[in-house]
Amino acid sequence: MPEVTSYAPGFPTWAELASPDPALSRRFYGELLGWSSYTLTTEMDEYEIFTLGGVQAPEVAGMQTLVDDSLPSYWMCYFRTADVAASVEAVRAAGGHVLVEDIEVANLGRMALCSDLESAEFAFWYPYDLQGAGARNEPGALYWMELACQEAQAARAFYGRVFGWKAEEREYYTSSTYTNWKVGDTSVASMVSMDEHWPPGYPAHWVPYFGVVDCDAAAAKAVDLGGRVTVSPKDIKRGRFAIVTDPTGARLGVFSAAATGGAATRAPL
């Protein structure tokens, strides 16, 4: 698949792992998704860039060290913006919270960290040298990002105000309400309403989905590597997916596209 060189505002652009054990995470994702990595040293800290094999291969995700090992490991989902400062103000106006103000990240770009009405964290990205993931919709690369929350109607209103997303309700494999978010006619993200299938009190959160050749084999491999399967492989219109938790506790999805399923970014499920 051709390398991705730019992203329009409102589109998911990058996923970043916060890990208390970077060496363990490198091994896990290297074996599960075929990733290599290299380290960037900035004035802020060292930052790991995951690639689809070698330093010259497309970048697919990032990793920073979780300095407080009492906190859970997690994946942060980044979304492209044309103006970080304006997006931060849109979050405040919509009732969300700004956790890290608009800052410059070396020569890579600008970012801000925010949370929505249920405290699900997400980030804005405005690129300089790093446009975002250099590959999409293929094994080892990002396919889509999904929000799990309790109050779907409130989340639809919030993200509509912040990103200008249009919400479209879709069928799901459980009784949960499922939302497909669009920019124009293109699907960019999704949302599932947490119902009785979820543990009580489970926090709202964003999760990235990465492509694999075989969903069932990837889920089994994750367990072999020290992870857990939290949602066993399920068939959906576009292919087959599972949710796994890596050995440090970070939650992610793995997805194998059906032969005639088309691009998941256009119709997440």
C-alpha atoms as a PDB file:
ATOM      1  CA  MET A   1       0.000   0.000   0.000  1.00  0.00           C
ATOM      2  CA  PRO A   2       1.327   3.505  -0.799  1.00  0.00           C
ATOM      3  CA  GLU A   3       2.910   5.449   2.034  1.00  0.00           C
ATOM      4  CA  VAL A   4       0.618   7.998   3.706  1.00  0.00           C
ATOM      5  CA  THR A   5       2.127  11.491   3.509  1.00  0.00           C
ATOM      6  CA  SER A   6      -0.563  13.752   5.025  1.00  0.00           C
ATOM      7  CA  TYR A   7      -3.791  13.821   7.022  1.00  0.00           C
ATOM      8  CA  ALA A   8      -6.754  16.174   6.866  1.00  0.00           C
ATOM      9  CA  PRO A   9      -8.072  17.863  10.045  1.00  0.00           C
ATOM     10  CA  GLY A  10     -10.347  15.612  12.088  1.00  0.00           C
ATOM     11  CA  PHE A  11      -8.643  12.390  10.985  1.00  0.00           C
ATOM     12  CA  PRO A  12      -6.816  10.017  13.348  1.00  0.00           C
ATOM     13  CA  THR A  13      -3.123  10.443  12.701  1.00  0.00           C
ATOM     14  CA  TRP A  14      -1.009   8.758  15.394  1.00  0.00           C
ATOM     15  CA  ALA A  15      -1.132   6.281  18.284  1.00  0.00           C
ATOM     16  CA  GLU A  16       1.281   6.465  21.202  1.00  0.00           C
ATOM     17  CA  LEU A  17       1.951   3.863  23.868  1.00  0.00           C
ATOM     18  CA  ALA A  18       2.845   4.887  27.423  1.00  0.00           C
ATOM     19  CA  SER A  19       4.712   1.886  28.825  1.00  0.00           C
ATOM     20  CA  PRO A  20       6.422   1.273  32.198  1.00  0.00           C
ATOM     21  CA  ASP A  21       8.655  -1.322  30.500  1.00  0.00           C
ATOM     22  CA  PRO A  22       9.718  -0.192  27.003  1.00  0.00           C
ATOM     23  CA  ALA A  23      11.925  -3.242  26.426  1.00  0.00           C
ATOM     24  CA  LEU A  24       9.009  -5.586  27.127  1.00  0.00           C
ATOM     25  CA  SER A  25       6.716  -3.511  24.894  1.00  0.00           C
ATOM     26  CA  ARG A  26       9.241  -3.550  22.034  1.00  0.00           C
ATOM     27  CA  ARG A  27       9.419  -7.338  22.205  1.00  0.00           C
ATOM     28  CA  PHE A  28       5.652  -7.772  22.409  1.00  0.00           C
ATOM     29  CA  TYR A  29       4.765  -5.501  19.488  1.00  0.00           C
ATOM     30  CA  GLY A  30       7.743  -6.620  17.461  1.00  0.00           C
ATOM     31  CA  GLU A  31       6.560 -10.215  17.577  1.00  0.00           C
ATOM     32  CA  LEU A  32       2.824  -9.506  17.438  1.00  0.00           C
ATOM     33  CA  LEU A  33       2.757  -6.855  14.702  1.00  0.00           C
ATOM     34  CA  GLY A  34       6.197  -7.176  13.093  1.00  0.00           C
ATOM     35  CA  TRP A  35       7.367  -3.756  14.312  1.00  0.00           C
ATOM     36  CA  SER A  36      10.927  -2.491  14.510  1.00  0.00           C
ATOM     37  CA  SER A  37      11.820   0.728  16.331  1.00  0.00           C
ATOM     38  CA  TYR A  38      14.357   3.490  16.710  1.00  0.00           C
ATOM     39  CA  THR A  39      14.873   6.117  19.408  1.00  0.00           C
ATOM     40  CA  LEU A  40      14.611   9.886  18.981  1.00  0.00           C
ATOM     41  CA  THR A  41      16.312  12.064  21.592  1.00  0.00           C
ATOM     42  CA  THR A  42      14.594  15.419  22.143  1.00  0.00           C
ATOM     43  CA  GLU A  43      15.024  18.173  24.705  1.00  0.00           C
ATOM     44  CA  MET A  44      12.047  16.690  26.542  1.00  0.00           C
ATOM     45  CA  ASP A  45      12.974  12.994  26.670  1.00  0.00           C
ATOM     46  CA  GLU A  46      13.723   9.956  24.563  1.00  0.00           C
ATOM     47  CA  TYR A  47      10.911   8.887  22.259  1.00  0.00           C
ATOM     48  CA  GLU A  48      10.547   5.544  20.532  1.00  0.00           C
ATOM     49  CA  ILE A  49       9.235   5.355  16.970  1.00  0.00           C
ATOM     50  CA  PHE A  50       7.782   2.037  15.825  1.00  0.00           C
ATOM     51  CA  THR A  51       8.116   1.192  12.122  1.00  0.00           C
ATOM     52  CA  LEU A  52       7.035  -1.561   9.751  1.00  0.00           C
ATOM     53  CA  GLY A  53      10.595  -2.887   9.616  1.00  0.00           C
ATOM     54  CA  GLY A  54      13.831  -0.906   9.796  1.00  0.00           C
ATOM     55  CA  VAL A  55      14.673   2.759  10.248  1.00  0.00           C
ATOM     56  CA  GLN A  56      13.688   3.676   6.688  1.00  0.00           C
ATOM     57  CA  ALA A  57      10.303   1.900   6.843  1.00  0.00           C
ATOM     58  CA  PRO A  58       7.054   3.824   7.429  1.00  0.00           C
ATOM     59  CA  GLU A  59       6.403   4.975  10.993  1.00  0.00           C
ATOM     60  CA  VAL A  60       3.320   3.362  12.515  1.00  0.00           C
ATOM     61  CA  ALA A  61       3.211   4.432  16.188  1.00  0.00           C
ATOM     62  CA  GLY A  62       5.196   5.953  19.039  1.00  0.00           C
ATOM     63  CA  MET A  63       6.119   5.058  22.606  1.00  0.00           C
ATOM     64  CA  GLN A  64       7.123   7.018  25.664  1.00  0.00           C
ATOM     65  CA  THR A  65       8.195   5.693  29.046  1.00  0.00           C
ATOM     66  CA  LEU A  66       5.537   5.832  31.750  1.00  0.00           C
ATOM     67  CA  VAL A  67       7.516   7.491  34.525  1.00  0.00           C
ATOM     68  CA  ASP A  68       5.020   6.672  37.292  1.00  0.00           C
ATOM     69  CA  ASP A  69       4.796   2.870  37.328  1.00  0.00           C
ATOM     70  CA  SER A  70       1.779   3.060  39.640  1.00  0.00           C
ATOM     71  CA  LEU A  71      -0.262   4.299  36.659  1.00  0.00           C
ATOM     72  CA  PRO A  72      -1.704   1.882  34.109  1.00  0.00           C
ATOM     73  CA  SER A  73      -0.121   1.529  30.696  1.00  0.00           C
ATOM     74  CA  TYR A  74      -2.275   2.893  27.880  1.00  0.00           C
ATOM     75  CA  TRP A  75      -2.500   3.885  24.218  1.00  0.00           C
ATOM     76  CA  MET A  76      -3.054   7.577  23.429  1.00  0.00           C
ATOM     77  CA  CYS A  77      -4.971   8.397  20.233  1.00  0.00           C
ATOM     78  CA  TYR A  78      -3.979  11.544  18.320  1.00  0.00           C
ATOM     79  CA  PHE A  79      -6.172  13.464  15.869  1.00  0.00           C
ATOM     80  CA  ARG A  80      -5.065  15.966  13.245  1.00  0.00           C
ATOM     81  CA  THR A  81      -5.980  19.592  13.751  1.00  0.00           C
ATOM     82  CA  ALA A  82      -5.345  22.682  11.670  1.00  0.00           C
ATOM     83  CA  ASP A  83      -4.872  24.796  14.819  1.00  0.00           C
ATOM     84  CA  VAL A  84      -3.973  23.276  18.189  1.00  0.00           C
ATOM     85  CA  ALA A  85      -4.827  26.391  20.200  1.00  0.00           C
ATOM     86  CA  ALA A  86      -8.256  26.717  18.579  1.00  0.00           C
ATOM     87  CA  SER A  87      -8.966  23.015  19.185  1.00  0.00           C
ATOM     88  CA  VAL A  88      -8.029  23.380  22.848  1.00  0.00           C
ATOM     89  CA  GLU A  89     -10.509  26.239  23.202  1.00  0.00           C
ATOM     90  CA  ALA A  90     -13.165  24.117  21.471  1.00  0.00           C
ATOM     91  CA  VAL A  91     -12.631  21.413  24.103  1.00  0.00           C
ATOM     92  CA  ARG A  92     -13.112  23.923  26.910  1.00  0.00           C
ATOM     93  CA  ALA A  93     -16.227  25.363  25.269  1.00  0.00           C
ATOM     94  CA  ALA A  94     -17.699  21.859  24.888  1.00  0.00           C
ATOM     95  CA  GLY A  95     -17.148  21.077  28.598  1.00  0.00           C
ATOM     96  CA  GLY A  96     -13.989  18.983  28.337  1.00  0.00           C
ATOM     97  CA  HIS A  97     -10.664  19.423  30.093  1.00  0.00           C
ATOM     98  CA  VAL A  98      -7.208  20.445  28.902  1.00  0.00           C
ATOM     99  CA  LEU A  99      -4.520  18.320  30.549  1.00  0.00           C
ATOM    100  CA  VAL A 100      -1.476  19.535  28.589  1.00  0.00           C
ATOM    101  CA  GLU A 101      -1.645  22.895  26.831  1.00  0.00           C
ATOM    102  CA  ASP A 102      -0.509  23.522  23.258  1.00  0.00           C
ATOM    103  CA  ILE A 103       3.206  22.648  23.172  1.00  0.00           C
ATOM    104  CA  GLU A 104       5.879  22.127  20.542  1.00  0.00           C
ATOM    105  CA  VAL A 105       7.469  18.676  20.345  1.00  0.00           C
ATOM    106  CA  ALA A 106      10.958  19.298  18.936  1.00  0.00           C
ATOM    107  CA  ASN A 107      10.843  19.348  15.131  1.00  0.00           C
ATOM    108  CA  LEU A 108       8.030  16.788  15.037  1.00  0.00           C
ATOM    109  CA  GLY A 109       4.987  19.010  15.521  1.00  0.00           C
ATOM    110  CA  ARG A 110       2.642  20.584  18.055  1.00  0.00           C
ATOM    111  CA  MET A 111       0.286  18.770  20.392  1.00  0.00           C
ATOM    112  CA  ALA A 112      -2.152  19.169  23.261  1.00  0.00           C
ATOM    113  CA  LEU A 113      -3.629  16.561  25.577  1.00  0.00           C
ATOM    114  CA  CYS A 114      -7.302  16.772  26.530  1.00  0.00           C
ATOM    115  CA  SER A 115     -10.118  14.708  28.010  1.00  0.00           C
ATOM    116  CA  ASP A 116     -13.808  14.553  27.177  1.00  0.00           C
ATOM    117  CA  LEU A 117     -16.910  14.692  29.385  1.00  0.00           C
ATOM    118  CA  GLU A 118     -16.230  11.221  30.812  1.00  0.00           C
ATOM    119  CA  SER A 119     -12.472  11.813  31.209  1.00  0.00           C
ATOM    120  CA  ALA A 120     -11.460   9.732  28.163  1.00  0.00           C
ATOM    121  CA  GLU A 121      -8.110  11.204  27.101  1.00  0.00           C
ATOM    122  CA  PHE A 122      -7.132  12.056  23.532  1.00  0.00           C
ATOM    123  CA  ALA A 123      -4.622  14.348  21.850  1.00  0.00           C
ATOM    124  CA  PHE A 124      -4.423  16.876  19.029  1.00  0.00           C
ATOM    125  CA  TRP A 125      -1.591  16.863  16.521  1.00  0.00           C
ATOM    126  CA  TYR A 126      -0.328  19.544  14.141  1.00  0.00           C
ATOM    127  CA  PRO A 127       2.626  18.202  12.138  1.00  0.00           C
ATOM    128  CA  TYR A 128       6.022  19.641  11.313  1.00  0.00           C
ATOM    129  CA  ASP A 129       8.321  16.784  10.256  1.00  0.00           C
ATOM    130  CA  LEU A 130       6.102  13.958  11.529  1.00  0.00           C
ATOM    131  CA  GLN A 131       2.837  13.928   9.590  1.00  0.00           C
ATOM    132  CA  GLY A 132       1.593  10.897  11.486  1.00  0.00           C
ATOM    133  CA  ALA A 133       1.519   7.197  10.711  1.00  0.00           C
ATOM    134  CA  GLY A 134       3.233   6.584   7.377  1.00  0.00           C
ATOM    135  CA  ALA A 135       1.156   3.485   6.650  1.00  0.00           C
ATOM    136  CA  ARG A 136      -2.543   2.748   7.154  1.00  0.00           C
ATOM    137  CA  ASN A 137      -5.001  -0.079   6.558  1.00  0.00           C
ATOM    138  CA  GLU A 138      -2.519  -2.922   6.200  1.00  0.00           C
ATOM    139  CA  PRO A 139      -1.058  -5.588   8.506  1.00  0.00           C
ATOM    140  CA  GLY A 140       0.986  -3.955  11.252  1.00  0.00           C
ATOM    141  CA  ALA A 141      -0.500  -0.494  10.653  1.00  0.00           C
ATOM    142  CA  LEU A 142      -3.293   1.527  12.208  1.00  0.00           C
ATOM    143  CA  TYR A 143      -6.821   0.838  10.930  1.00  0.00           C
ATOM    144  CA  TRP A 144      -9.088   2.965  13.105  1.00  0.00           C
ATOM    145  CA  MET A 145      -9.697   4.386  16.570  1.00  0.00           C
ATOM    146  CA  GLU A 146     -12.686   3.701  18.779  1.00  0.00           C
ATOM    147  CA  LEU A 147     -14.132   5.379  21.877  1.00  0.00           C
ATOM    148  CA  ALA A 148     -15.842   3.286  24.549  1.00  0.00           C
ATOM    149  CA  CYS A 149     -18.045   5.380  26.859  1.00  0.00           C
ATOM    150  CA  GLN A 150     -21.235   5.402  28.940  1.00  0.00           C
ATOM    151  CA  GLU A 151     -23.045   8.475  27.616  1.00  0.00           C
ATOM    152  CA  ALA A 152     -23.131   8.119  23.850  1.00  0.00           C
ATOM    153  CA  GLN A 153     -25.419  11.072  23.141  1.00  0.00           C
ATOM    154  CA  ALA A 154     -23.264  13.455  25.179  1.00  0.00           C
ATOM    155  CA  ALA A 155     -20.106  12.146  23.455  1.00  0.00           C
ATOM    156  CA  ARG A 156     -21.664  12.650  20.026  1.00  0.00           C
ATOM    157  CA  ALA A 157     -22.396  16.273  20.889  1.00  0.00           C
ATOM    158  CA  PHE A 158     -18.935  16.839  22.401  1.00  0.00           C
ATOM    159  CA  TYR A 159     -16.890  15.431  19.517  1.00  0.00           C
ATOM    160  CA  GLY A 160     -19.197  17.048  16.999  1.00  0.00           C
ATOM    161  CA  ARG A 161     -18.378  20.431  18.512  1.00  0.00           C
ATOM    162  CA  VAL A 162     -14.651  19.742  18.871  1.00  0.00           C
ATOM    163  CA  PHE A 163     -13.922  18.072  15.507  1.00  0.00           C
ATOM    164  CA  GLY A 164     -17.001  18.821  13.420  1.00  0.00           C
ATOM    165  CA  TRP A 165     -17.645  15.082  13.140  1.00  0.00           C
ATOM    166  CA  LYS A 166     -21.023  13.847  11.898  1.00  0.00           C
ATOM    167  CA  ALA A 167     -22.465  10.919  13.855  1.00  0.00           C
ATOM    168  CA  GLU A 168     -24.113   7.953  12.139  1.00  0.00           C
ATOM    169  CA  GLU A 169     -25.633   5.125  14.167  1.00  0.00           C
ATOM    170  CA  ARG A 170     -24.674   1.610  13.085  1.00  0.00           C
ATOM    171  CA  GLU A 171     -25.545  -1.959  14.030  1.00  0.00           C
ATOM    172  CA  TYR A 172     -23.091  -3.729  16.327  1.00  0.00           C
ATOM    173  CA  TYR A 173     -22.434  -7.347  17.253  1.00  0.00           C
ATOM    174  CA  THR A 174     -23.931  -6.789  20.748  1.00  0.00           C
ATOM    175  CA  SER A 175     -26.906  -4.745  21.886  1.00  0.00           C
ATOM    176  CA  SER A 176     -24.651  -1.717  22.400  1.00  0.00           C
ATOM    177  CA  THR A 177     -25.265   1.502  20.538  1.00  0.00           C
ATOM    178  CA  TYR A 178     -22.538   1.956  17.931  1.00  0.00           C
ATOM    179  CA  THR A 179     -21.603   5.258  16.314  1.00  0.00           C
ATOM    180  CA  ASN A 180     -19.636   5.846  13.143  1.00  0.00           C
ATOM    181  CA  TRP A 181     -18.067   9.335  13.000  1.00  0.00           C
ATOM    182  CA  LYS A 182     -17.480  10.992   9.642  1.00  0.00           C
ATOM    183  CA  VAL A 183     -15.663  13.934   8.123  1.00  0.00           C
ATOM    184  CA  GLY A 184     -17.668  14.604   4.992  1.00  0.00           C
ATOM    185  CA  ASP A 185     -18.416  11.161   3.532  1.00  0.00           C
ATOM    186  CA  THR A 186     -15.357   9.486   5.052  1.00  0.00           C
ATOM    187  CA  SER A 187     -15.504   7.497   8.300  1.00  0.00           C
ATOM    188  CA  VAL A 188     -12.716   8.536  10.649  1.00  0.00           C
ATOM    189  CA  ALA A 189     -13.498   6.952  14.040  1.00  0.00           C
ATOM    190  CA  SER A 190     -16.159   5.079  15.954  1.00  0.00           C
ATOM    191  CA  MET A 191     -17.785   4.776  19.366  1.00  0.00           C
ATOM    192  CA  VAL A 192     -19.340   1.922  21.317  1.00  0.00           C
ATOM    193  CA  SER A 193     -21.640   2.463  24.276  1.00  0.00           C
ATOM    194  CA  MET A 194     -20.525   0.450  27.309  1.00  0.00           C
ATOM    195  CA  ASP A 195     -23.450  -1.739  28.390  1.00  0.00           C
ATOM    196  CA  GLU A 196     -23.921  -4.795  30.626  1.00  0.00           C
ATOM    197  CA  HIS A 197     -21.206  -6.643  28.701  1.00  0.00           C
ATOM    198  CA  TRP A 198     -18.610  -4.342  30.300  1.00  0.00           C
ATOM    199  CA  PRO A 199     -17.288  -4.582  33.880  1.00  0.00           C
ATOM    200  CA  PRO A 200     -19.048  -2.127  36.243  1.00  0.00           C
ATOM    201  CA  GLY A 201     -17.240   1.183  36.553  1.00  0.00           C
ATOM    202  CA  TYR A 202     -14.941   0.591  33.590  1.00  0.00           C
ATOM    203  CA  PRO A 203     -13.547   4.003  32.568  1.00  0.00           C
ATOM    204  CA  ALA A 204     -14.262   5.605  29.209  1.00  0.00           C
ATOM    205  CA  HIS A 205     -11.274   5.382  26.869  1.00  0.00           C
ATOM    206  CA  TRP A 206     -10.018   5.508  23.292  1.00  0.00           C
ATOM    207  CA  VAL A 207      -8.405   2.404  21.780  1.00  0.00           C
ATOM    208  CA  PRO A 208      -6.458   1.966  18.505  1.00  0.00           C
ATOM    209  CA  TYR A 209      -6.981  -0.999  16.167  1.00  0.00           C
ATOM    210  CA  PHE A 210      -4.020  -2.405  14.219  1.00  0.00           C
ATOM    211  CA  GLY A 211      -4.138  -4.649  11.164  1.00  0.00           C
ATOM    212  CA  VAL A 212      -3.113  -8.303  11.243  1.00  0.00           C
ATOM    213  CA  VAL A 213      -3.194 -11.052   8.637  1.00  0.00           C
ATOM    214  CA  ASP A 214      -5.134 -13.492  10.844  1.00  0.00           C
ATOM    215  CA  CYS A 215      -7.146 -12.174  13.795  1.00  0.00           C
ATOM    216  CA  ASP A 216      -7.417 -15.513  15.603  1.00  0.00           C
ATOM    217  CA  ALA A 217      -3.715 -16.237  15.241  1.00  0.00           C
ATOM    218  CA  ALA A 218      -2.842 -12.735  16.458  1.00  0.00           C
ATOM    219  CA  ALA A 219      -5.064 -13.087  19.531  1.00  0.00           C
ATOM    220  CA  ALA A 220      -3.446 -16.429  20.365  1.00  0.00           C
ATOM    221  CA  LYS A 221       0.008 -14.939  19.787  1.00  0.00           C
ATOM    222  CA  ALA A 222      -0.773 -12.063  22.168  1.00  0.00           C
ATOM    223  CA  VAL A 223      -1.490 -14.609  24.919  1.00  0.00           C
ATOM    224  CA  ASP A 224       1.713 -16.515  24.138  1.00  0.00           C
ATOM    225  CA  LEU A 225       3.618 -13.227  24.509  1.00  0.00           C
ATOM    226  CA  GLY A 226       2.152 -12.493  27.957  1.00  0.00           C
ATOM    227  CA  GLY A 227      -0.956 -10.542  27.006  1.00  0.00           C
ATOM    228  CA  ARG A 228      -4.657 -11.302  27.508  1.00  0.00           C
ATOM    229  CA  VAL A 229      -7.650 -11.514  25.191  1.00  0.00           C
ATOM    230  CA  THR A 230     -10.466  -9.356  26.589  1.00  0.00           C
ATOM    231  CA  VAL A 231     -12.829  -9.683  23.606  1.00  0.00           C
ATOM    232  CA  SER A 232     -12.428 -12.929  21.691  1.00  0.00           C
ATOM    233  CA  PRO A 233     -12.329 -12.802  17.877  1.00  0.00           C
ATOM    234  CA  LYS A 234     -15.642 -11.685  16.333  1.00  0.00           C
ATOM    235  CA  ASP A 235     -16.856 -11.450  12.750  1.00  0.00           C
ATOM    236  CA  ILE A 236     -18.075  -8.069  11.521  1.00  0.00           C
ATOM    237  CA  LYS A 237     -18.997  -6.788   8.068  1.00  0.00           C
ATOM    238  CA  ARG A 238     -15.478  -5.623   7.248  1.00  0.00           C
ATOM    239  CA  GLY A 239     -13.552  -8.565   8.642  1.00  0.00           C
ATOM    240  CA  ARG A 240     -12.734  -9.994  12.057  1.00  0.00           C
ATOM    241  CA  PHE A 241     -11.496  -8.291  15.236  1.00  0.00           C
ATOM    242  CA  ALA A 242     -10.419  -8.982  18.798  1.00  0.00           C
ATOM    243  CA  ILE A 243      -9.448  -6.820  21.776  1.00  0.00           C
ATOM    244  CA  VAL A 244      -6.260  -7.703  23.622  1.00  0.00           C
ATOM    245  CA  THR A 245      -4.358  -6.298  26.569  1.00  0.00           C
ATOM    246  CA  ASP A 246      -0.584  -6.244  26.278  1.00  0.00           C
ATOM    247  CA  PRO A 247       1.729  -7.475  29.096  1.00  0.00           C
ATOM    248  CA  THR A 248       1.919  -3.976  30.623  1.00  0.00           C
ATOM    249  CA  GLY A 249      -1.881  -3.509  30.648  1.00  0.00           C
ATOM    250  CA  ALA A 250      -2.431  -1.366  27.521  1.00  0.00           C
ATOM    251  CA  ARG A 251      -5.607  -2.178  25.561  1.00  0.00           C
ATOM    252  CA  LEU A 252      -5.671  -2.411  21.760  1.00  0.00           C
ATOM    253  CA  GLY A 253      -7.627  -4.015  18.951  1.00  0.00           C
ATOM    254  CA  VAL A 254      -6.375  -6.333  16.205  1.00  0.00           C
ATOM    255  CA  PHE A 255      -8.263  -6.511  12.923  1.00  0.00           C
ATOM    256  CA  SER A 256      -8.037  -8.718   9.843  1.00  0.00           C
ATOM    257  CA  ALA A 257      -9.874  -7.276   6.843  1.00  0.00           C
ATOM    258  CA  ALA A 258     -12.199  -9.409   4.765  1.00  0.00           C
ATOM    259  CA  ALA A 259     -11.021 -10.029   1.210  1.00  0.00           C
ATOM    260  CA  THR A 260     -13.734  -7.722  -0.176  1.00  0.00           C
ATOM    261  CA  GLY A 261     -14.127  -5.546   2.908  1.00  0.00           C
ATOM    262  CA  GLY A 262     -12.644  -2.334   1.557  1.00  0.00           C
ATOM    263  CA  ALA A 263     -10.854   0.311   3.610  1.00  0.00           C
ATOM    264  CA  ALA A 264     -11.710   0.285   7.294  1.00  0.00           C
ATOM    265  CA  THR A 265     -11.193   4.035   7.559  1.00  0.00           C
ATOM    266  CA  ARG A 266     -14.227   4.492   5.299  1.00  0.00           C
ATOM    267  CA  ALA A 267     -16.471   2.181   7.302  1.00  0.00           C
ATOM    268  CA  PRO A 268     -14.945   1.089  10.622  1.00  0.00           C
ATOM    269  CA  LEU A 269     -17.374  -1.779  11.172  1.00  0.00           C
END
